[in-house]
Amino acid sequence: MAALYSSILDHYSFFMESEADVNAHLAARVRGLRTARGLSLDALADRAGVSRSMISLIERGESSPTAAVLNRLAGGLGVSLASLFAQDESPLASPLVRWSEQRVWKDPGSGYQRRSLSPPGFPSPLELAEVILPPEARVAYDPSPRSIDIGQQVWVIEGEIVLTTGQDAHHLKAGDCLAMRIDRPNVFHNPHRRPARYLVALAADPSRAPSPSRSIS
């Protein structure tokens, strides 16, 4: 089992960008989205529940934020977490992205690895990501306000996870798929000693009025 886990991580690591490259991308993305929305550092700090100093470090590329922190920033900016790893939409963007070109990011808090599957910059209401959750790892997302309503589906490819939304816990095995609206705290937990791999599909629905809180993986 350890060999399987090592093989999966080695495969991901081959294409993984350096920490500095990822931090530089996140820095530009957060700063760009904040500026486009006319938000000061203090205003974003209030909306996201993240300290002004932390946001400043992230925007300078001097911090490796965890998934939980990025989720709060995404909520304060009114976007999905996946959007922070994306690029600005462009009519010139290719509808195809090769496996070797997909951005892979490792959460410094939980160790989970996230691969952005959707073609960067290509206009689409759908965002896809593949996640490897290490053995016994747990990732928790607090609810954050968003200006749009976001739906999510999680399809388990390998292993098992326990996905808790609010007070509802769902034990998902390979092949299981859970659909949910993102309006409660979420916890992704791998209770086993082998990695779990799952697909996350996100879609925004601006026609639906958002509830007071939002969270995304």
N, C-alpha and C. Protein backbone atom coordinates (compact mmCIF):
# COMPACT_ATOMS: atom_id res chain seq x y z
N MET A 1 0.82 -1.21 0.00
CA MET A 1 0.00 0.00 0.00
C MET A 1 0.86 1.26 0.00
N ALA A 2 1.96 1.21 0.79
CA ALA A 2 2.86 2.35 0.83
C ALA A 2 3.47 2.60 -0.55
N ALA A 3 3.76 1.49 -1.26
CA ALA A 3 4.33 1.62 -2.61
C ALA A 3 3.34 2.28 -3.55
N LEU A 4 2.04 1.93 -3.42
CA LEU A 4 1.00 2.53 -4.26
C LEU A 4 0.92 4.02 -4.02
N TYR A 5 0.92 4.41 -2.74
CA TYR A 5 0.83 5.83 -2.39
C TYR A 5 2.03 6.59 -2.93
N SER A 6 3.24 6.01 -2.75
CA SER A 6 4.45 6.65 -3.24
C SER A 6 4.41 6.81 -4.75
N SER A 7 3.88 5.79 -5.45
CA SER A 7 3.80 5.85 -6.90
C SER A 7 2.87 6.96 -7.36
N ILE A 8 1.73 7.10 -6.69
CA ILE A 8 0.77 8.15 -7.04
C ILE A 8 1.39 9.53 -6.84
N LEU A 9 2.05 9.73 -5.70
CA LEU A 9 2.63 11.02 -5.40
C LEU A 9 3.79 11.34 -6.33
N ASP A 10 4.60 10.33 -6.67
CA ASP A 10 5.70 10.54 -7.59
C ASP A 10 5.17 10.98 -8.95
N HIS A 11 4.06 10.37 -9.37
CA HIS A 11 3.47 10.72 -10.66
C HIS A 11 3.01 12.17 -10.65
N TYR A 12 2.40 12.61 -9.54
CA TYR A 12 1.96 13.99 -9.42
C TYR A 12 3.14 14.93 -9.32
N SER A 13 4.14 14.55 -8.52
CA SER A 13 5.27 15.43 -8.27
C SER A 13 6.05 15.73 -9.52
N PHE A 14 6.04 14.83 -10.48
CA PHE A 14 6.77 15.03 -11.72
C PHE A 14 6.30 16.29 -12.43
N PHE A 15 4.99 16.58 -12.32
CA PHE A 15 4.42 17.73 -13.01
C PHE A 15 4.19 18.91 -12.08
N MET A 16 4.52 18.76 -10.79
CA MET A 16 4.20 19.80 -9.84
C MET A 16 5.10 21.02 -10.01
N GLU A 17 4.50 22.20 -10.02
CA GLU A 17 5.27 23.43 -10.09
C GLU A 17 6.01 23.62 -8.77
N SER A 18 7.04 24.43 -8.82
CA SER A 18 7.75 24.73 -7.59
C SER A 18 6.85 25.55 -6.68
N GLU A 19 7.15 25.51 -5.39
CA GLU A 19 6.37 26.27 -4.42
C GLU A 19 6.41 27.75 -4.76
N ALA A 20 7.57 28.24 -5.19
CA ALA A 20 7.70 29.65 -5.54
C ALA A 20 6.81 30.01 -6.72
N ASP A 21 6.73 29.13 -7.73
CA ASP A 21 5.88 29.39 -8.90
C ASP A 21 4.41 29.46 -8.51
N VAL A 22 3.99 28.51 -7.66
CA VAL A 22 2.59 28.49 -7.23
C VAL A 22 2.28 29.73 -6.40
N ASN A 23 3.18 30.07 -5.49
CA ASN A 23 2.96 31.26 -4.66
C ASN A 23 2.90 32.52 -5.51
N ALA A 24 3.72 32.58 -6.56
CA ALA A 24 3.71 33.74 -7.45
C ALA A 24 2.37 33.84 -8.19
N HIS A 25 1.86 32.68 -8.64
CA HIS A 25 0.57 32.68 -9.32
C HIS A 25 -0.55 33.13 -8.37
N LEU A 26 -0.56 32.56 -7.16
CA LEU A 26 -1.60 32.91 -6.19
C LEU A 26 -1.49 34.39 -5.81
N ALA A 27 -0.28 34.90 -5.69
CA ALA A 27 -0.08 36.30 -5.35
C ALA A 27 -0.72 37.20 -6.39
N ALA A 28 -0.41 36.93 -7.66
CA ALA A 28 -0.96 37.75 -8.74
C ALA A 28 -2.47 37.60 -8.84
N ARG A 29 -2.95 36.40 -8.63
CA ARG A 29 -4.39 36.13 -8.77
C ARG A 29 -5.19 36.82 -7.68
N VAL A 30 -4.75 36.68 -6.43
CA VAL A 30 -5.47 37.32 -5.32
C VAL A 30 -5.42 38.83 -5.46
N ARG A 31 -4.25 39.36 -5.76
CA ARG A 31 -4.10 40.81 -5.90
C ARG A 31 -4.95 41.33 -7.06
N GLY A 32 -4.97 40.59 -8.17
CA GLY A 32 -5.75 41.02 -9.32
C GLY A 32 -7.24 41.00 -9.06
N LEU A 33 -7.74 39.94 -8.42
CA LEU A 33 -9.16 39.85 -8.10
C LEU A 33 -9.57 40.91 -7.09
N ARG A 34 -8.70 41.15 -6.11
CA ARG A 34 -9.02 42.18 -5.10
C ARG A 34 -9.08 43.56 -5.74
N THR A 35 -8.11 43.87 -6.60
CA THR A 35 -8.08 45.17 -7.25
C THR A 35 -9.28 45.35 -8.18
N ALA A 36 -9.63 44.29 -8.91
CA ALA A 36 -10.77 44.37 -9.84
C ALA A 36 -12.07 44.64 -9.10
N ARG A 37 -12.14 44.23 -7.85
CA ARG A 37 -13.36 44.43 -7.05
C ARG A 37 -13.31 45.70 -6.22
N GLY A 38 -12.22 46.44 -6.35
CA GLY A 38 -12.10 47.71 -5.64
C GLY A 38 -11.98 47.54 -4.14
N LEU A 39 -11.37 46.44 -3.70
CA LEU A 39 -11.25 46.16 -2.27
C LEU A 39 -9.86 46.51 -1.77
N SER A 40 -9.80 47.17 -0.65
CA SER A 40 -8.52 47.40 0.01
C SER A 40 -8.12 46.14 0.77
N LEU A 41 -6.88 46.08 1.25
CA LEU A 41 -6.45 44.94 2.06
C LEU A 41 -7.33 44.80 3.30
N ASP A 42 -7.65 45.92 3.93
CA ASP A 42 -8.48 45.88 5.13
C ASP A 42 -9.89 45.38 4.81
N ALA A 43 -10.43 45.82 3.68
CA ALA A 43 -11.78 45.40 3.31
C ALA A 43 -11.83 43.90 3.04
N LEU A 44 -10.84 43.39 2.33
CA LEU A 44 -10.80 41.95 2.05
C LEU A 44 -10.59 41.17 3.35
N ALA A 45 -9.75 41.69 4.23
CA ALA A 45 -9.52 41.03 5.52
C ALA A 45 -10.83 40.89 6.29
N ASP A 46 -11.64 41.95 6.30
CA ASP A 46 -12.93 41.90 6.99
C ASP A 46 -13.88 40.91 6.35
N ARG A 47 -13.91 40.88 5.02
CA ARG A 47 -14.83 40.00 4.32
C ARG A 47 -14.42 38.54 4.40
N ALA A 48 -13.11 38.30 4.41
CA ALA A 48 -12.62 36.92 4.35
C ALA A 48 -12.31 36.32 5.71
N GLY A 49 -12.15 37.16 6.72
CA GLY A 49 -11.76 36.63 8.02
C GLY A 49 -10.31 36.18 8.04
N VAL A 50 -9.48 36.83 7.21
CA VAL A 50 -8.04 36.56 7.16
C VAL A 50 -7.33 37.87 7.49
N SER A 51 -6.28 37.81 8.29
CA SER A 51 -5.62 39.03 8.73
C SER A 51 -5.03 39.80 7.55
N ARG A 52 -4.98 41.11 7.71
CA ARG A 52 -4.40 41.97 6.67
C ARG A 52 -2.96 41.59 6.40
N SER A 53 -2.21 41.29 7.45
CA SER A 53 -0.80 40.94 7.27
C SER A 53 -0.64 39.65 6.48
N MET A 54 -1.52 38.66 6.71
CA MET A 54 -1.45 37.41 5.96
C MET A 54 -1.75 37.65 4.49
N ILE A 55 -2.78 38.44 4.20
CA ILE A 55 -3.11 38.73 2.81
C ILE A 55 -1.95 39.44 2.13
N SER A 56 -1.32 40.37 2.84
CA SER A 56 -0.18 41.09 2.28
C SER A 56 0.96 40.14 1.95
N LEU A 57 1.23 39.18 2.83
CA LEU A 57 2.27 38.19 2.58
C LEU A 57 1.95 37.34 1.36
N ILE A 58 0.68 36.94 1.25
CA ILE A 58 0.25 36.11 0.11
C ILE A 58 0.39 36.89 -1.18
N GLU A 59 -0.01 38.17 -1.18
CA GLU A 59 0.06 38.97 -2.40
C GLU A 59 1.49 39.31 -2.80
N ARG A 60 2.42 39.16 -1.87
CA ARG A 60 3.83 39.37 -2.20
C ARG A 60 4.52 38.05 -2.52
N GLY A 61 3.77 36.95 -2.47
CA GLY A 61 4.34 35.65 -2.76
C GLY A 61 5.27 35.14 -1.68
N GLU A 62 5.11 35.65 -0.46
CA GLU A 62 6.01 35.30 0.64
C GLU A 62 5.39 34.31 1.62
N SER A 63 4.21 33.80 1.30
CA SER A 63 3.54 32.85 2.17
C SER A 63 2.98 31.70 1.35
N SER A 64 2.97 30.51 1.95
CA SER A 64 2.35 29.34 1.32
C SER A 64 1.04 29.07 2.06
N PRO A 65 -0.05 29.68 1.61
CA PRO A 65 -1.32 29.57 2.34
C PRO A 65 -1.91 28.17 2.27
N THR A 66 -2.62 27.78 3.32
CA THR A 66 -3.29 26.49 3.35
C THR A 66 -4.59 26.58 2.55
N ALA A 67 -5.19 25.42 2.32
CA ALA A 67 -6.47 25.37 1.60
C ALA A 67 -7.55 26.13 2.37
N ALA A 68 -7.53 26.03 3.70
CA ALA A 68 -8.54 26.72 4.51
C ALA A 68 -8.43 28.23 4.35
N VAL A 69 -7.21 28.75 4.35
CA VAL A 69 -7.01 30.20 4.17
C VAL A 69 -7.42 30.63 2.77
N LEU A 70 -7.03 29.85 1.76
CA LEU A 70 -7.41 30.19 0.39
C LEU A 70 -8.93 30.16 0.21
N ASN A 71 -9.60 29.22 0.88
CA ASN A 71 -11.05 29.15 0.79
C ASN A 71 -11.69 30.42 1.35
N ARG A 72 -11.15 30.92 2.46
CA ARG A 72 -11.69 32.15 3.04
C ARG A 72 -11.47 33.34 2.12
N LEU A 73 -10.28 33.39 1.51
CA LEU A 73 -10.00 34.48 0.57
C LEU A 73 -10.92 34.40 -0.64
N ALA A 74 -11.12 33.18 -1.14
CA ALA A 74 -12.02 33.01 -2.28
C ALA A 74 -13.42 33.49 -1.93
N GLY A 75 -13.88 33.14 -0.71
CA GLY A 75 -15.20 33.60 -0.28
C GLY A 75 -15.26 35.11 -0.21
N GLY A 76 -14.22 35.73 0.33
CA GLY A 76 -14.21 37.19 0.42
C GLY A 76 -14.17 37.87 -0.94
N LEU A 77 -13.59 37.18 -1.92
CA LEU A 77 -13.51 37.73 -3.28
C LEU A 77 -14.73 37.35 -4.11
N GLY A 78 -15.59 36.47 -3.58
CA GLY A 78 -16.81 36.09 -4.30
C GLY A 78 -16.58 35.10 -5.40
N VAL A 79 -15.55 34.25 -5.26
CA VAL A 79 -15.25 33.24 -6.29
C VAL A 79 -15.06 31.88 -5.62
N SER A 80 -14.91 30.85 -6.42
CA SER A 80 -14.60 29.52 -5.89
C SER A 80 -13.11 29.42 -5.61
N LEU A 81 -12.74 28.47 -4.77
CA LEU A 81 -11.33 28.23 -4.51
C LEU A 81 -10.60 27.86 -5.81
N ALA A 82 -11.29 27.09 -6.65
CA ALA A 82 -10.70 26.68 -7.92
C ALA A 82 -10.30 27.88 -8.76
N SER A 83 -11.05 28.98 -8.64
CA SER A 83 -10.75 30.17 -9.44
C SER A 83 -9.40 30.78 -9.10
N LEU A 84 -8.93 30.56 -7.88
CA LEU A 84 -7.64 31.12 -7.49
C LEU A 84 -6.49 30.44 -8.23
N PHE A 85 -6.73 29.23 -8.70
CA PHE A 85 -5.69 28.51 -9.44
C PHE A 85 -5.85 28.67 -10.95
N ALA A 86 -6.92 29.34 -11.35
CA ALA A 86 -7.22 29.51 -12.77
C ALA A 86 -6.56 30.77 -13.31
N GLN A 87 -6.81 31.04 -14.57
CA GLN A 87 -6.34 32.26 -15.21
C GLN A 87 -7.55 33.06 -15.68
N ASP A 88 -7.33 34.34 -15.95
CA ASP A 88 -8.43 35.16 -16.46
C ASP A 88 -8.92 34.58 -17.78
N GLU A 89 -10.25 34.61 -17.95
CA GLU A 89 -10.83 34.08 -19.18
C GLU A 89 -10.39 34.91 -20.38
N SER A 90 -10.17 34.20 -21.48
CA SER A 90 -9.75 34.87 -22.71
C SER A 90 -10.34 34.15 -23.92
N PRO A 91 -10.85 34.92 -24.91
CA PRO A 91 -11.40 34.28 -26.11
C PRO A 91 -10.32 33.55 -26.92
N LEU A 92 -9.05 33.81 -26.60
CA LEU A 92 -7.95 33.17 -27.31
C LEU A 92 -7.45 31.91 -26.60
N ALA A 93 -8.00 31.62 -25.43
CA ALA A 93 -7.54 30.47 -24.66
C ALA A 93 -7.91 29.17 -25.36
N SER A 94 -7.03 28.20 -25.28
CA SER A 94 -7.26 26.90 -25.91
C SER A 94 -8.29 26.09 -25.12
N PRO A 95 -9.17 25.36 -25.82
CA PRO A 95 -10.13 24.50 -25.12
C PRO A 95 -9.49 23.18 -24.66
N LEU A 96 -8.20 23.01 -24.95
CA LEU A 96 -7.51 21.77 -24.59
C LEU A 96 -6.32 22.07 -23.69
N VAL A 97 -6.21 21.31 -22.60
CA VAL A 97 -5.02 21.38 -21.76
C VAL A 97 -4.49 19.97 -21.56
N ARG A 98 -3.21 19.76 -21.84
CA ARG A 98 -2.61 18.45 -21.70
C ARG A 98 -2.31 18.16 -20.23
N TRP A 99 -2.21 16.86 -19.92
CA TRP A 99 -1.93 16.42 -18.55
C TRP A 99 -0.67 17.10 -18.01
N SER A 100 0.36 17.21 -18.85
CA SER A 100 1.63 17.78 -18.41
C SER A 100 1.55 19.28 -18.17
N GLU A 101 0.46 19.93 -18.62
CA GLU A 101 0.32 21.38 -18.48
C GLU A 101 -0.61 21.77 -17.33
N GLN A 102 -1.22 20.79 -16.69
CA GLN A 102 -2.19 21.07 -15.64
C GLN A 102 -1.49 21.43 -14.33
N ARG A 103 -1.98 22.47 -13.69
CA ARG A 103 -1.35 22.94 -12.45
C ARG A 103 -1.65 21.99 -11.30
N VAL A 104 -0.60 21.58 -10.57
CA VAL A 104 -0.74 20.71 -9.41
C VAL A 104 -0.25 21.47 -8.18
N TRP A 105 -1.06 21.46 -7.13
CA TRP A 105 -0.74 22.20 -5.91
C TRP A 105 -0.87 21.30 -4.70
N LYS A 106 0.07 21.44 -3.76
CA LYS A 106 0.04 20.66 -2.53
C LYS A 106 -0.29 21.57 -1.35
N ASP A 107 -1.31 21.22 -0.61
CA ASP A 107 -1.72 22.00 0.55
C ASP A 107 -0.69 21.80 1.66
N PRO A 108 -0.02 22.88 2.11
CA PRO A 108 0.99 22.72 3.15
C PRO A 108 0.42 22.30 4.50
N GLY A 109 -0.90 22.46 4.67
CA GLY A 109 -1.52 22.09 5.93
C GLY A 109 -1.83 20.61 6.04
N SER A 110 -2.51 20.06 5.04
CA SER A 110 -2.97 18.66 5.10
C SER A 110 -2.12 17.73 4.23
N GLY A 111 -1.38 18.28 3.28
CA GLY A 111 -0.61 17.45 2.36
C GLY A 111 -1.41 16.97 1.17
N TYR A 112 -2.69 17.38 1.07
CA TYR A 112 -3.46 16.91 -0.08
C TYR A 112 -2.99 17.61 -1.35
N GLN A 113 -3.09 16.88 -2.47
CA GLN A 113 -2.63 17.41 -3.75
C GLN A 113 -3.82 17.59 -4.68
N ARG A 114 -3.83 18.75 -5.33
CA ARG A 114 -4.96 19.15 -6.15
C ARG A 114 -4.48 19.47 -7.56
N ARG A 115 -5.07 18.81 -8.54
CA ARG A 115 -4.74 19.04 -9.95
C ARG A 115 -5.90 19.78 -10.63
N SER A 116 -5.61 20.93 -11.21
CA SER A 116 -6.62 21.69 -11.97
C SER A 116 -6.75 21.07 -13.34
N LEU A 117 -7.90 20.49 -13.65
CA LEU A 117 -8.10 19.77 -14.90
C LEU A 117 -8.63 20.64 -16.04
N SER A 118 -9.36 21.69 -15.72
CA SER A 118 -10.01 22.50 -16.76
C SER A 118 -8.98 23.34 -17.53
N PRO A 119 -9.19 23.52 -18.83
CA PRO A 119 -8.29 24.35 -19.64
C PRO A 119 -8.20 25.77 -19.08
N PRO A 120 -7.02 26.27 -18.74
CA PRO A 120 -6.89 27.59 -18.12
C PRO A 120 -7.30 28.72 -19.05
N GLY A 121 -8.16 29.59 -18.52
CA GLY A 121 -8.58 30.76 -19.29
C GLY A 121 -9.69 30.52 -20.28
N PHE A 122 -10.06 29.26 -20.51
CA PHE A 122 -11.13 28.99 -21.48
C PHE A 122 -12.49 29.23 -20.82
N PRO A 123 -13.35 30.07 -21.42
CA PRO A 123 -14.65 30.39 -20.80
C PRO A 123 -15.52 29.14 -20.64
N SER A 124 -15.91 28.85 -19.42
CA SER A 124 -16.75 27.69 -19.15
C SER A 124 -17.39 27.84 -17.77
N PRO A 125 -18.66 27.44 -17.62
CA PRO A 125 -19.30 27.51 -16.30
C PRO A 125 -18.88 26.37 -15.38
N LEU A 126 -18.09 25.42 -15.91
CA LEU A 126 -17.73 24.22 -15.17
C LEU A 126 -16.23 24.21 -14.87
N GLU A 127 -15.88 23.84 -13.63
CA GLU A 127 -14.48 23.71 -13.24
C GLU A 127 -14.27 22.30 -12.69
N LEU A 128 -13.21 21.64 -13.14
CA LEU A 128 -12.91 20.29 -12.70
C LEU A 128 -11.56 20.25 -12.00
N ALA A 129 -11.47 19.45 -10.96
CA ALA A 129 -10.21 19.26 -10.25
C ALA A 129 -10.13 17.82 -9.76
N GLU A 130 -8.92 17.29 -9.73
CA GLU A 130 -8.68 15.96 -9.18
C GLU A 130 -7.87 16.12 -7.90
N VAL A 131 -8.27 15.41 -6.86
CA VAL A 131 -7.63 15.55 -5.56
C VAL A 131 -7.14 14.19 -5.06
N ILE A 132 -5.93 14.19 -4.47
CA ILE A 132 -5.44 13.03 -3.74
C ILE A 132 -5.37 13.43 -2.27
N LEU A 133 -6.13 12.75 -1.44
CA LEU A 133 -6.16 13.01 -0.01
C LEU A 133 -5.32 11.95 0.69
N PRO A 134 -4.24 12.35 1.35
CA PRO A 134 -3.34 11.37 1.97
C PRO A 134 -4.02 10.55 3.05
N PRO A 135 -3.42 9.42 3.43
CA PRO A 135 -3.98 8.59 4.50
C PRO A 135 -4.18 9.40 5.78
N GLU A 136 -5.40 9.25 6.35
CA GLU A 136 -5.78 9.86 7.63
C GLU A 136 -5.76 11.39 7.61
N ALA A 137 -5.71 11.99 6.44
CA ALA A 137 -5.70 13.45 6.34
C ALA A 137 -7.12 14.00 6.47
N ARG A 138 -7.20 15.24 6.91
CA ARG A 138 -8.48 15.93 7.07
C ARG A 138 -8.33 17.37 6.59
N VAL A 139 -9.30 17.82 5.79
CA VAL A 139 -9.32 19.21 5.31
C VAL A 139 -10.69 19.80 5.65
N ALA A 140 -10.70 20.89 6.41
CA ALA A 140 -11.95 21.51 6.84
C ALA A 140 -12.08 22.90 6.22
N TYR A 141 -13.28 23.22 5.74
CA TYR A 141 -13.56 24.51 5.15
C TYR A 141 -14.67 25.20 5.92
N ASP A 142 -14.37 26.39 6.43
CA ASP A 142 -15.40 27.19 7.10
C ASP A 142 -16.28 27.84 6.04
N PRO A 143 -17.55 28.12 6.38
CA PRO A 143 -18.41 28.81 5.41
C PRO A 143 -17.91 30.23 5.21
N SER A 144 -17.94 30.68 3.96
CA SER A 144 -17.52 32.04 3.61
C SER A 144 -18.55 32.64 2.68
N PRO A 145 -18.86 33.95 2.83
CA PRO A 145 -19.85 34.57 1.96
C PRO A 145 -19.38 34.65 0.53
N ARG A 146 -20.28 34.40 -0.42
CA ARG A 146 -19.95 34.54 -1.84
C ARG A 146 -21.11 35.25 -2.54
N SER A 147 -20.76 35.94 -3.62
CA SER A 147 -21.77 36.70 -4.35
C SER A 147 -22.52 35.84 -5.35
N ILE A 148 -22.08 34.59 -5.55
CA ILE A 148 -22.76 33.69 -6.47
C ILE A 148 -23.02 32.36 -5.78
N ASP A 149 -23.98 31.62 -6.28
CA ASP A 149 -24.29 30.31 -5.73
C ASP A 149 -23.45 29.27 -6.46
N ILE A 150 -22.83 28.37 -5.73
CA ILE A 150 -21.94 27.37 -6.33
C ILE A 150 -22.39 25.97 -5.93
N GLY A 151 -22.52 25.11 -6.94
CA GLY A 151 -22.84 23.71 -6.70
C GLY A 151 -21.60 22.87 -6.88
N GLN A 152 -21.55 21.74 -6.18
CA GLN A 152 -20.37 20.89 -6.24
C GLN A 152 -20.79 19.42 -6.26
N GLN A 153 -20.06 18.62 -7.03
CA GLN A 153 -20.23 17.18 -7.00
C GLN A 153 -18.86 16.55 -6.79
N VAL A 154 -18.83 15.53 -5.94
CA VAL A 154 -17.59 14.82 -5.62
C VAL A 154 -17.76 13.36 -6.01
N TRP A 155 -16.88 12.88 -6.88
CA TRP A 155 -16.93 11.49 -7.35
C TRP A 155 -15.64 10.80 -6.95
N VAL A 156 -15.75 9.76 -6.14
CA VAL A 156 -14.58 9.05 -5.64
C VAL A 156 -14.07 8.07 -6.69
N ILE A 157 -12.79 8.17 -7.02
CA ILE A 157 -12.17 7.31 -8.02
C ILE A 157 -11.47 6.12 -7.36
N GLU A 158 -10.71 6.40 -6.30
CA GLU A 158 -10.00 5.35 -5.58
C GLU A 158 -10.09 5.63 -4.08
N GLY A 159 -10.13 4.55 -3.28
CA GLY A 159 -10.14 4.71 -1.83
C GLY A 159 -11.50 5.10 -1.31
N GLU A 160 -11.53 5.68 -0.11
CA GLU A 160 -12.77 6.09 0.55
C GLU A 160 -12.53 7.40 1.29
N ILE A 161 -13.58 8.20 1.38
CA ILE A 161 -13.53 9.43 2.18
C ILE A 161 -14.83 9.57 2.96
N VAL A 162 -14.75 10.33 4.03
CA VAL A 162 -15.95 10.74 4.76
C VAL A 162 -16.11 12.24 4.53
N LEU A 163 -17.19 12.62 3.86
CA LEU A 163 -17.44 14.02 3.54
C LEU A 163 -18.59 14.51 4.41
N THR A 164 -18.28 15.45 5.28
CA THR A 164 -19.29 15.99 6.20
C THR A 164 -19.69 17.38 5.74
N THR A 165 -20.99 17.59 5.52
CA THR A 165 -21.52 18.90 5.16
C THR A 165 -22.49 19.30 6.27
N GLY A 166 -22.10 20.32 7.05
CA GLY A 166 -22.92 20.66 8.21
C GLY A 166 -22.91 19.52 9.20
N GLN A 167 -24.09 18.98 9.50
CA GLN A 167 -24.23 17.86 10.43
C GLN A 167 -24.36 16.53 9.71
N ASP A 168 -24.35 16.54 8.39
CA ASP A 168 -24.56 15.32 7.61
C ASP A 168 -23.23 14.73 7.17
N ALA A 169 -22.96 13.49 7.58
CA ALA A 169 -21.72 12.80 7.20
C ALA A 169 -22.03 11.74 6.15
N HIS A 170 -21.25 11.73 5.07
CA HIS A 170 -21.45 10.79 3.98
C HIS A 170 -20.17 9.97 3.80
N HIS A 171 -20.28 8.65 3.93
CA HIS A 171 -19.14 7.75 3.72
C HIS A 171 -19.15 7.35 2.25
N LEU A 172 -18.19 7.85 1.50
CA LEU A 172 -18.14 7.64 0.06
C LEU A 172 -17.04 6.66 -0.31
N LYS A 173 -17.40 5.66 -1.10
CA LYS A 173 -16.44 4.67 -1.59
C LYS A 173 -16.23 4.88 -3.08
N ALA A 174 -15.27 4.14 -3.64
CA ALA A 174 -14.98 4.27 -5.06
C ALA A 174 -16.25 4.09 -5.90
N GLY A 175 -16.50 5.03 -6.79
CA GLY A 175 -17.69 4.99 -7.64
C GLY A 175 -18.83 5.83 -7.12
N ASP A 176 -18.82 6.16 -5.82
CA ASP A 176 -19.89 6.98 -5.24
C ASP A 176 -19.72 8.44 -5.66
N CYS A 177 -20.86 9.12 -5.83
CA CYS A 177 -20.85 10.54 -6.21
C CYS A 177 -21.84 11.30 -5.34
N LEU A 178 -21.39 12.39 -4.74
CA LEU A 178 -22.24 13.22 -3.88
C LEU A 178 -22.40 14.60 -4.50
N ALA A 179 -23.64 15.04 -4.65
CA ALA A 179 -23.94 16.39 -5.14
C ALA A 179 -24.42 17.23 -3.96
N MET A 180 -24.00 18.48 -3.93
CA MET A 180 -24.40 19.34 -2.81
C MET A 180 -24.30 20.80 -3.20
N ARG A 181 -25.08 21.61 -2.54
CA ARG A 181 -24.93 23.05 -2.64
C ARG A 181 -23.94 23.45 -1.56
N ILE A 182 -23.14 24.44 -1.84
CA ILE A 182 -22.07 24.81 -0.92
C ILE A 182 -22.56 25.90 0.01
N ASP A 183 -23.27 25.50 1.05
CA ASP A 183 -23.82 26.50 1.96
C ASP A 183 -23.61 26.13 3.43
N ARG A 184 -22.75 25.15 3.68
CA ARG A 184 -22.45 24.75 5.06
C ARG A 184 -20.97 24.42 5.19
N PRO A 185 -20.46 24.35 6.41
CA PRO A 185 -19.06 23.93 6.58
C PRO A 185 -18.86 22.53 6.00
N ASN A 186 -17.72 22.31 5.37
CA ASN A 186 -17.39 21.02 4.78
C ASN A 186 -16.12 20.46 5.38
N VAL A 187 -16.09 19.15 5.60
CA VAL A 187 -14.88 18.48 6.06
C VAL A 187 -14.66 17.25 5.19
N PHE A 188 -13.48 17.18 4.58
CA PHE A 188 -13.07 16.01 3.80
C PHE A 188 -12.08 15.22 4.65
N HIS A 189 -12.38 13.95 4.92
CA HIS A 189 -11.53 13.15 5.79
C HIS A 189 -11.28 11.79 5.17
N ASN A 190 -10.02 11.40 5.15
CA ASN A 190 -9.65 10.05 4.72
C ASN A 190 -9.30 9.24 5.97
N PRO A 191 -10.19 8.37 6.42
CA PRO A 191 -9.97 7.65 7.68
C PRO A 191 -9.06 6.44 7.54
N HIS A 192 -8.59 6.16 6.36
CA HIS A 192 -7.85 4.92 6.12
C HIS A 192 -6.35 5.16 5.93
N ARG A 193 -5.61 4.08 5.85
CA ARG A 193 -4.15 4.15 5.71
C ARG A 193 -3.71 4.01 4.26
N ARG A 194 -4.56 4.38 3.36
CA ARG A 194 -4.22 4.43 1.95
C ARG A 194 -4.80 5.71 1.37
N PRO A 195 -4.20 6.23 0.32
CA PRO A 195 -4.69 7.50 -0.24
C PRO A 195 -6.07 7.34 -0.88
N ALA A 196 -6.78 8.44 -0.94
CA ALA A 196 -8.06 8.50 -1.65
C ALA A 196 -7.91 9.50 -2.79
N ARG A 197 -8.51 9.17 -3.91
CA ARG A 197 -8.46 10.05 -5.08
C ARG A 197 -9.88 10.32 -5.55
N TYR A 198 -10.21 11.59 -5.76
CA TYR A 198 -11.57 11.91 -6.18
C TYR A 198 -11.59 13.11 -7.12
N LEU A 199 -12.67 13.18 -7.88
CA LEU A 199 -12.90 14.28 -8.82
C LEU A 199 -13.89 15.26 -8.21
N VAL A 200 -13.60 16.54 -8.35
CA VAL A 200 -14.50 17.59 -7.89
C VAL A 200 -14.95 18.40 -9.10
N ALA A 201 -16.26 18.54 -9.26
CA ALA A 201 -16.84 19.35 -10.33
C ALA A 201 -17.59 20.52 -9.71
N LEU A 202 -17.30 21.72 -10.15
CA LEU A 202 -17.91 22.93 -9.60
C LEU A 202 -18.61 23.70 -10.71
N ALA A 203 -19.76 24.24 -10.39
CA ALA A 203 -20.50 25.06 -11.36
C ALA A 203 -21.18 26.20 -10.63
N ALA A 204 -21.02 27.40 -11.15
CA ALA A 204 -21.65 28.58 -10.56
C ALA A 204 -23.02 28.81 -11.19
N ASP A 205 -23.97 29.25 -10.37
CA ASP A 205 -25.31 29.56 -10.86
C ASP A 205 -25.68 30.95 -10.36
N PRO A 206 -25.32 32.01 -11.10
CA PRO A 206 -25.59 33.38 -10.65
C PRO A 206 -27.07 33.72 -10.59
N SER A 207 -27.93 32.88 -11.19
CA SER A 207 -29.37 33.16 -11.18
C SER A 207 -30.00 32.83 -9.84
N ARG A 208 -29.29 32.03 -9.01
CA ARG A 208 -29.80 31.67 -7.69
C ARG A 208 -29.29 32.66 -6.66
N ALA A 209 -30.16 33.08 -5.79
CA ALA A 209 -29.75 34.00 -4.73
C ALA A 209 -28.91 33.23 -3.72
N PRO A 210 -27.71 33.73 -3.41
CA PRO A 210 -26.86 33.01 -2.47
C PRO A 210 -27.38 33.08 -1.06
N SER A 211 -27.12 32.04 -0.28
CA SER A 211 -27.44 32.07 1.13
C SER A 211 -26.31 32.79 1.84
N PRO A 212 -26.45 33.10 3.14
CA PRO A 212 -25.48 33.95 3.82
C PRO A 212 -24.05 33.44 3.82
N SER A 213 -23.83 32.14 3.64
CA SER A 213 -22.47 31.62 3.70
C SER A 213 -22.21 30.62 2.60
N ARG A 214 -20.93 30.55 2.22
CA ARG A 214 -20.51 29.63 1.17
C ARG A 214 -19.15 29.03 1.53
N SER A 215 -18.88 27.79 1.11
CA SER A 215 -17.56 27.18 1.27
C SER A 215 -17.31 26.23 0.12
N ILE A 216 -16.09 26.09 -0.28
CA ILE A 216 -15.78 25.24 -1.42
C ILE A 216 -14.47 24.52 -1.24
N SER A 217 -14.30 23.34 -1.97
CA SER A 217 -13.05 22.61 -1.85
C SER A 217 -12.16 22.80 -3.04
